[in-house]
């Protein structure tokens, strides 16, 4: 048993021994010990995005801490399951750092685990590509992931690329940025577990965080990958602001039949981190799992699950 195994087991044992209320007050205690300027940075970040709950102690608002406590109390065994299904030491160190940050507001372990060597999604120790790749980019934004793919693997290292984006202005930039490259399909659609129509929900902080909702507004057609792409796919990247679980369900046929590489963001709520790998495992137990993250050590986001 290595050092990270020991630390993770100790953390899991401590959390298992506490009630939900005790976990909540321990997280609050750790937050209170954080320097004020870092507290403010965390609060500003949480309150800009509607992912993890608001945090504003001056107004008595502790949603983020409450929801983290609930997640740790209810799903510690799921996190343990994930830990034992991770394929390398770096992944286990990453998961420990994330949970240690949630519970103790610890920034040292996240700084140590942060990915500095590779681009988002394209850890070259894990992901290799060939000229026959059929790549699906869910949440293609302005084409940044595709450009990163081309930089890392070369312009001859794919057969076709499908780009999905839901925001019209961003979609126009996406097409412009990638217009010089061959065999790229641009689809202004949302991707979920059923076909239909939803509405664009704009995020005031960043268009990259725009998502889909049920309320009135600009209509967006929604599809599933199983319905929308008829050829076999070899790689699916998903960063779609909390719709990753739905997209996964809508790609079940491709996953079962094609076994594509899956590069999924798992940070838009407190359950994707364990729920998405468990669902992939239920669909196809042959997948092996890895974790990397590239965000600020103050709060780990940009967490990618690699299912290979």
Protein backbone atom coordinates (compact mmCIF):
# COMPACT_ATOMS: atom_id res chain seq x y z
CA UNK A 1 0.00 0.00 0.00
CA UNK A 2 1.50 3.33 -1.07
CA UNK A 3 1.19 6.72 0.60
CA UNK A 4 -1.87 7.82 -1.40
CA UNK A 5 -3.64 4.52 -0.68
CA UNK A 6 -3.04 5.09 3.01
CA UNK A 7 -4.24 8.69 2.92
CA UNK A 8 -7.33 7.83 0.91
CA UNK A 9 -8.26 4.97 3.24
CA UNK A 10 -7.79 7.22 6.26
CA UNK A 11 -9.97 9.92 4.70
CA UNK A 12 -12.69 7.41 3.80
CA UNK A 13 -12.60 5.91 7.30
CA UNK A 14 -12.91 9.34 8.92
CA UNK A 15 -15.88 10.32 6.77
CA UNK A 16 -17.59 6.95 7.28
CA UNK A 17 -17.48 7.54 11.02
CA UNK A 18 -19.35 10.85 10.89
CA UNK A 19 -22.97 11.86 10.57
CA UNK A 20 -24.00 14.19 7.75
CA UNK A 21 -24.27 17.08 10.21
CA UNK A 22 -20.78 16.35 11.61
CA UNK A 23 -19.32 16.33 8.10
CA UNK A 24 -21.02 19.66 7.36
CA UNK A 25 -19.60 21.33 10.48
CA UNK A 26 -16.12 19.98 9.83
CA UNK A 27 -16.16 21.39 6.31
CA UNK A 28 -17.35 24.74 7.71
CA UNK A 29 -14.57 24.70 10.29
CA UNK A 30 -11.96 24.09 7.61
CA UNK A 31 -13.43 26.85 5.44
CA UNK A 32 -13.31 29.28 8.37
CA UNK A 33 -9.55 28.61 8.67
CA UNK A 34 -8.90 29.60 5.05
CA UNK A 35 -7.41 33.11 4.57
CA UNK A 36 -10.08 35.69 3.87
CA UNK A 37 -8.88 36.54 0.35
CA UNK A 38 -9.01 32.88 -0.65
CA UNK A 39 -12.45 32.51 0.93
CA UNK A 40 -13.66 35.39 -1.21
CA UNK A 41 -12.12 33.88 -4.34
CA UNK A 42 -13.91 30.58 -3.70
CA UNK A 43 -17.22 32.30 -2.93
CA UNK A 44 -17.05 34.45 -6.06
CA UNK A 45 -16.37 31.37 -8.16
CA UNK A 46 -19.17 29.26 -6.67
CA UNK A 47 -21.67 32.08 -6.94
CA UNK A 48 -20.89 32.80 -10.59
CA UNK A 49 -21.88 29.30 -11.68
CA UNK A 50 -25.01 27.40 -10.69
CA UNK A 51 -23.28 24.04 -10.30
CA UNK A 52 -22.33 23.37 -6.67
CA UNK A 53 -24.51 25.66 -4.55
CA UNK A 54 -24.01 29.21 -3.34
CA UNK A 55 -21.66 30.23 -0.54
CA UNK A 56 -22.10 33.55 1.29
CA UNK A 57 -21.48 33.26 5.05
CA UNK A 58 -22.33 36.90 5.69
CA UNK A 59 -25.86 36.11 4.53
CA UNK A 60 -25.94 32.72 6.22
CA UNK A 61 -25.79 30.89 2.89
CA UNK A 62 -23.80 27.63 3.02
CA UNK A 63 -25.36 25.64 0.15
CA UNK A 64 -22.02 24.63 -1.31
CA UNK A 65 -20.83 23.18 1.99
CA UNK A 66 -24.19 21.52 2.65
CA UNK A 67 -24.18 19.85 -0.76
CA UNK A 68 -20.57 18.71 -0.44
CA UNK A 69 -21.38 17.23 2.97
CA UNK A 70 -24.40 15.42 1.53
CA UNK A 71 -22.31 14.01 -1.33
CA UNK A 72 -19.56 12.75 0.97
CA UNK A 73 -22.02 11.28 3.48
CA UNK A 74 -24.25 9.54 0.94
CA UNK A 75 -21.65 8.42 -1.59
CA UNK A 76 -18.37 7.70 0.14
CA UNK A 77 -18.70 4.04 -0.89
CA UNK A 78 -19.17 5.15 -4.50
CA UNK A 79 -15.98 7.19 -4.30
CA UNK A 80 -14.20 4.18 -2.81
CA UNK A 81 -15.51 2.08 -5.70
CA UNK A 82 -14.10 4.61 -8.16
CA UNK A 83 -10.75 4.75 -6.38
CA UNK A 84 -10.32 0.99 -6.75
CA UNK A 85 -11.30 1.12 -10.42
CA UNK A 86 -8.78 3.81 -11.36
CA UNK A 87 -6.02 2.59 -13.62
CA UNK A 88 -2.94 4.45 -12.39
CA UNK A 89 -1.34 6.17 -9.41
CA UNK A 90 -1.85 9.67 -10.84
CA UNK A 91 -5.59 9.07 -11.09
CA UNK A 92 -5.80 7.88 -7.49
CA UNK A 93 -3.77 10.85 -6.33
CA UNK A 94 -6.16 13.11 -8.25
CA UNK A 95 -9.29 11.61 -6.67
CA UNK A 96 -7.78 11.85 -3.20
CA UNK A 97 -6.86 15.49 -3.84
CA UNK A 98 -10.38 16.34 -5.02
CA UNK A 99 -12.11 14.78 -2.01
CA UNK A 100 -9.54 16.19 0.39
CA UNK A 101 -10.24 19.63 -1.05
CA UNK A 102 -14.01 19.13 -0.68
CA UNK A 103 -13.69 18.01 2.93
CA UNK A 104 -10.74 20.00 4.28
CA UNK A 105 -10.45 22.93 1.87
CA UNK A 106 -6.93 21.66 1.35
CA UNK A 107 -5.03 23.25 -1.55
CA UNK A 108 -1.69 21.48 -1.21
CA UNK A 109 -2.83 18.09 -2.49
CA UNK A 110 -4.70 19.68 -5.41
CA UNK A 111 -1.59 21.67 -6.37
CA UNK A 112 0.40 18.44 -6.33
CA UNK A 113 -2.17 16.56 -8.43
CA UNK A 114 -2.88 19.25 -11.03
CA UNK A 115 -2.01 18.28 -14.61
CA UNK A 116 0.72 20.49 -16.03
CA UNK A 117 2.20 18.34 -18.79
CA UNK A 118 -0.62 17.67 -21.26
CA UNK A 119 -3.50 19.58 -22.84
CA UNK A 120 -7.07 19.09 -21.63
CA UNK A 121 -8.40 15.71 -22.81
CA UNK A 122 -5.20 14.68 -24.56
CA UNK A 123 -2.92 13.00 -22.07
CA UNK A 124 -0.47 11.41 -24.50
CA UNK A 125 0.36 8.66 -22.00
CA UNK A 126 -3.28 7.55 -22.19
CA UNK A 127 -4.87 8.61 -25.48
CA UNK A 128 -3.44 7.50 -28.81
CA UNK A 129 -5.11 8.15 -32.15
CA UNK A 130 -4.97 6.83 -35.73
CA UNK A 131 -5.95 7.94 -39.22
CA UNK A 132 -9.27 6.09 -38.82
CA UNK A 133 -10.53 8.11 -35.86
CA UNK A 134 -14.13 9.31 -35.93
CA UNK A 135 -14.11 12.01 -33.27
CA UNK A 136 -17.19 13.51 -31.60
CA UNK A 137 -16.75 16.82 -29.78
CA UNK A 138 -19.73 17.61 -27.54
CA UNK A 139 -19.48 21.21 -26.40
CA UNK A 140 -17.11 22.15 -29.23
CA UNK A 141 -17.27 25.85 -28.25
CA UNK A 142 -14.97 27.84 -30.60
CA UNK A 143 -13.05 24.78 -31.77
CA UNK A 144 -10.40 24.87 -29.06
CA UNK A 145 -10.57 21.11 -28.38
CA UNK A 146 -10.38 20.21 -32.06
CA UNK A 147 -7.40 22.51 -32.55
CA UNK A 148 -5.74 20.89 -29.55
CA UNK A 149 -6.43 17.45 -31.05
CA UNK A 150 -4.87 18.50 -34.36
CA UNK A 151 -1.84 19.95 -32.60
CA UNK A 152 -1.27 16.81 -30.55
CA UNK A 153 -1.97 14.16 -33.18
CA UNK A 154 -1.67 15.90 -36.55
CA UNK A 155 -4.05 16.89 -39.34
CA UNK A 156 -3.91 13.44 -40.93
CA UNK A 157 -4.88 11.62 -37.71
CA UNK A 158 -8.64 11.40 -38.21
CA UNK A 159 -11.26 10.24 -40.67
CA UNK A 160 -14.00 12.62 -39.58
CA UNK A 161 -14.80 15.00 -36.72
CA UNK A 162 -18.31 15.91 -35.53
CA UNK A 163 -18.65 19.20 -33.63
CA UNK A 164 -21.77 19.98 -31.56
CA UNK A 165 -22.43 23.46 -30.17
CA UNK A 166 -25.67 25.09 -28.97
CA UNK A 167 -24.94 28.86 -28.93
CA UNK A 168 -25.46 30.52 -32.36
CA UNK A 169 -22.75 33.19 -32.01
CA UNK A 170 -20.24 30.63 -30.73
CA UNK A 171 -21.28 28.20 -33.46
CA UNK A 172 -20.38 30.82 -36.09
CA UNK A 173 -16.91 31.23 -34.54
CA UNK A 174 -16.52 27.47 -34.41
CA UNK A 175 -17.16 27.14 -38.15
CA UNK A 176 -14.84 30.04 -38.95
CA UNK A 177 -12.00 28.73 -36.80
CA UNK A 178 -12.13 25.26 -38.34
CA UNK A 179 -13.17 26.06 -41.92
CA UNK A 180 -9.73 25.29 -43.33
CA UNK A 181 -9.75 21.70 -42.09
CA UNK A 182 -11.22 18.74 -43.97
CA UNK A 183 -14.03 16.35 -43.04
CA UNK A 184 -15.51 18.28 -40.12
CA UNK A 185 -19.27 18.12 -39.55
CA UNK A 186 -20.79 21.10 -37.72
CA UNK A 187 -24.07 20.50 -35.90
CA UNK A 188 -25.85 23.23 -33.95
CA UNK A 189 -27.69 20.84 -31.67
CA UNK A 190 -27.79 19.82 -28.06
CA UNK A 191 -27.05 16.21 -27.20
CA UNK A 192 -28.96 14.29 -24.54
CA UNK A 193 -30.76 10.97 -23.98
CA UNK A 194 -33.84 11.74 -26.10
CA UNK A 195 -34.63 13.77 -29.19
CA UNK A 196 -36.67 16.94 -28.88
CA UNK A 197 -36.41 20.69 -28.35
CA UNK A 198 -35.02 22.64 -25.40
CA UNK A 199 -34.06 26.27 -24.80
CA UNK A 200 -30.74 28.06 -24.55
CA UNK A 201 -29.86 29.22 -21.02
CA UNK A 202 -27.11 31.86 -21.16
CA UNK A 203 -24.52 32.17 -18.42
CA UNK A 204 -23.65 35.78 -17.57
CA UNK A 205 -20.04 34.96 -16.72
CA UNK A 206 -19.01 32.97 -19.79
CA UNK A 207 -20.70 31.68 -22.94
CA UNK A 208 -18.71 28.49 -22.44
CA UNK A 209 -21.10 27.75 -19.56
CA UNK A 210 -24.28 28.17 -21.60
CA UNK A 211 -26.57 25.20 -21.15
CA UNK A 212 -30.05 23.88 -21.96
CA UNK A 213 -33.26 24.29 -19.99
CA UNK A 214 -37.01 23.76 -20.18
CA UNK A 215 -38.01 27.43 -19.94
CA UNK A 216 -38.90 29.62 -22.92
CA UNK A 217 -36.20 31.32 -24.92
CA UNK A 218 -34.14 30.56 -27.99
CA UNK A 219 -35.06 27.05 -29.16
CA UNK A 220 -32.33 24.45 -29.59
CA UNK A 221 -32.92 21.08 -31.28
CA UNK A 222 -31.73 18.18 -29.13
CA UNK A 223 -30.64 14.80 -30.40
CA UNK A 224 -28.87 11.64 -29.27
CA UNK A 225 -25.59 10.41 -30.68
CA UNK A 226 -27.15 7.05 -31.46
CA UNK A 227 -29.74 8.78 -33.65
CA UNK A 228 -27.55 11.50 -35.11
CA UNK A 229 -24.41 9.62 -36.12
CA UNK A 230 -24.83 6.42 -38.12
CA UNK A 231 -21.18 5.45 -38.59
CA UNK A 232 -19.03 3.89 -35.83
CA UNK A 233 -17.30 6.44 -33.59
CA UNK A 234 -13.91 6.00 -31.93
CA UNK A 235 -13.66 8.98 -29.53
CA UNK A 236 -16.28 11.04 -27.70
CA UNK A 237 -15.32 14.16 -25.77
CA UNK A 238 -18.08 15.73 -23.65
CA UNK A 239 -18.02 19.04 -21.79
CA UNK A 240 -21.66 20.11 -21.87
CA UNK A 241 -22.38 21.79 -18.55
CA UNK A 242 -24.11 18.99 -16.67
CA UNK A 243 -25.68 17.14 -19.61
CA UNK A 244 -22.89 14.56 -19.72
CA UNK A 245 -24.98 11.83 -18.08
CA UNK A 246 -27.80 12.33 -20.59
CA UNK A 247 -25.37 12.35 -23.51
CA UNK A 248 -23.88 9.12 -22.21
CA UNK A 249 -27.29 7.42 -22.16
CA UNK A 250 -27.99 8.64 -25.69
CA UNK A 251 -24.74 7.09 -26.93
CA UNK A 252 -25.32 3.64 -25.43
CA UNK A 253 -25.46 1.91 -28.82
CA UNK A 254 -22.13 3.43 -29.90
CA UNK A 255 -20.54 2.55 -26.57
CA UNK A 256 -21.67 -1.06 -26.70
CA UNK A 257 -20.85 -1.59 -30.38
CA UNK A 258 -17.89 0.72 -31.06
CA UNK A 259 -16.17 0.96 -27.64
CA UNK A 260 -15.04 4.56 -28.29
CA UNK A 261 -12.55 6.34 -26.09
CA UNK A 262 -14.62 8.46 -23.69
CA UNK A 263 -13.24 11.78 -22.43
CA UNK A 264 -15.94 13.18 -20.16
CA UNK A 265 -15.98 16.23 -17.92
CA UNK A 266 -17.11 15.16 -14.44
CA UNK A 267 -17.13 18.40 -12.44
CA UNK A 268 -20.42 20.17 -13.20
CA UNK A 269 -22.10 18.80 -10.07
CA UNK A 270 -21.20 16.62 -7.08
CA UNK A 271 -22.32 13.29 -8.54
CA UNK A 272 -20.82 13.04 -12.03
CA UNK A 273 -17.44 12.17 -10.52
CA UNK A 274 -18.70 8.76 -9.42
CA UNK A 275 -21.95 8.32 -11.32
CA UNK A 276 -20.59 8.59 -14.86
CA UNK A 277 -17.86 5.96 -14.42
CA UNK A 278 -20.31 3.63 -12.68
CA UNK A 279 -22.77 3.97 -15.57
CA UNK A 280 -20.04 3.35 -18.14
CA UNK A 281 -18.98 0.27 -16.18
CA UNK A 282 -22.58 -0.99 -16.18
CA UNK A 283 -22.75 -0.56 -19.94
CA UNK A 284 -19.36 -2.05 -20.72
CA UNK A 285 -17.19 -3.47 -17.90
CA UNK A 286 -14.13 -3.61 -20.18
CA UNK A 287 -13.44 0.11 -19.78
CA UNK A 288 -10.56 1.25 -17.59
CA UNK A 289 -10.77 4.63 -15.86
CA UNK A 290 -8.34 7.50 -15.32
CA UNK A 291 -8.70 11.01 -13.86
CA UNK A 292 -6.87 14.27 -14.58
CA UNK A 293 -7.62 17.91 -13.72
CA UNK A 294 -6.16 21.25 -14.83
CA UNK A 295 -7.94 24.03 -12.92
CA UNK A 296 -6.92 26.22 -9.99
CA UNK A 297 -5.89 24.19 -6.93
CA UNK A 298 -8.31 26.31 -4.86
CA UNK A 299 -11.22 24.29 -6.22
CA UNK A 300 -10.65 21.44 -8.69
CA UNK A 301 -12.68 21.79 -11.87
CA UNK A 302 -11.79 20.87 -15.46
CA UNK A 303 -11.78 17.28 -14.22
CA UNK A 304 -11.68 14.76 -17.06
CA UNK A 305 -12.64 11.12 -16.76
CA UNK A 306 -10.85 8.97 -19.31
CA UNK A 307 -12.68 5.71 -20.03
CA UNK A 308 -10.48 3.67 -22.34
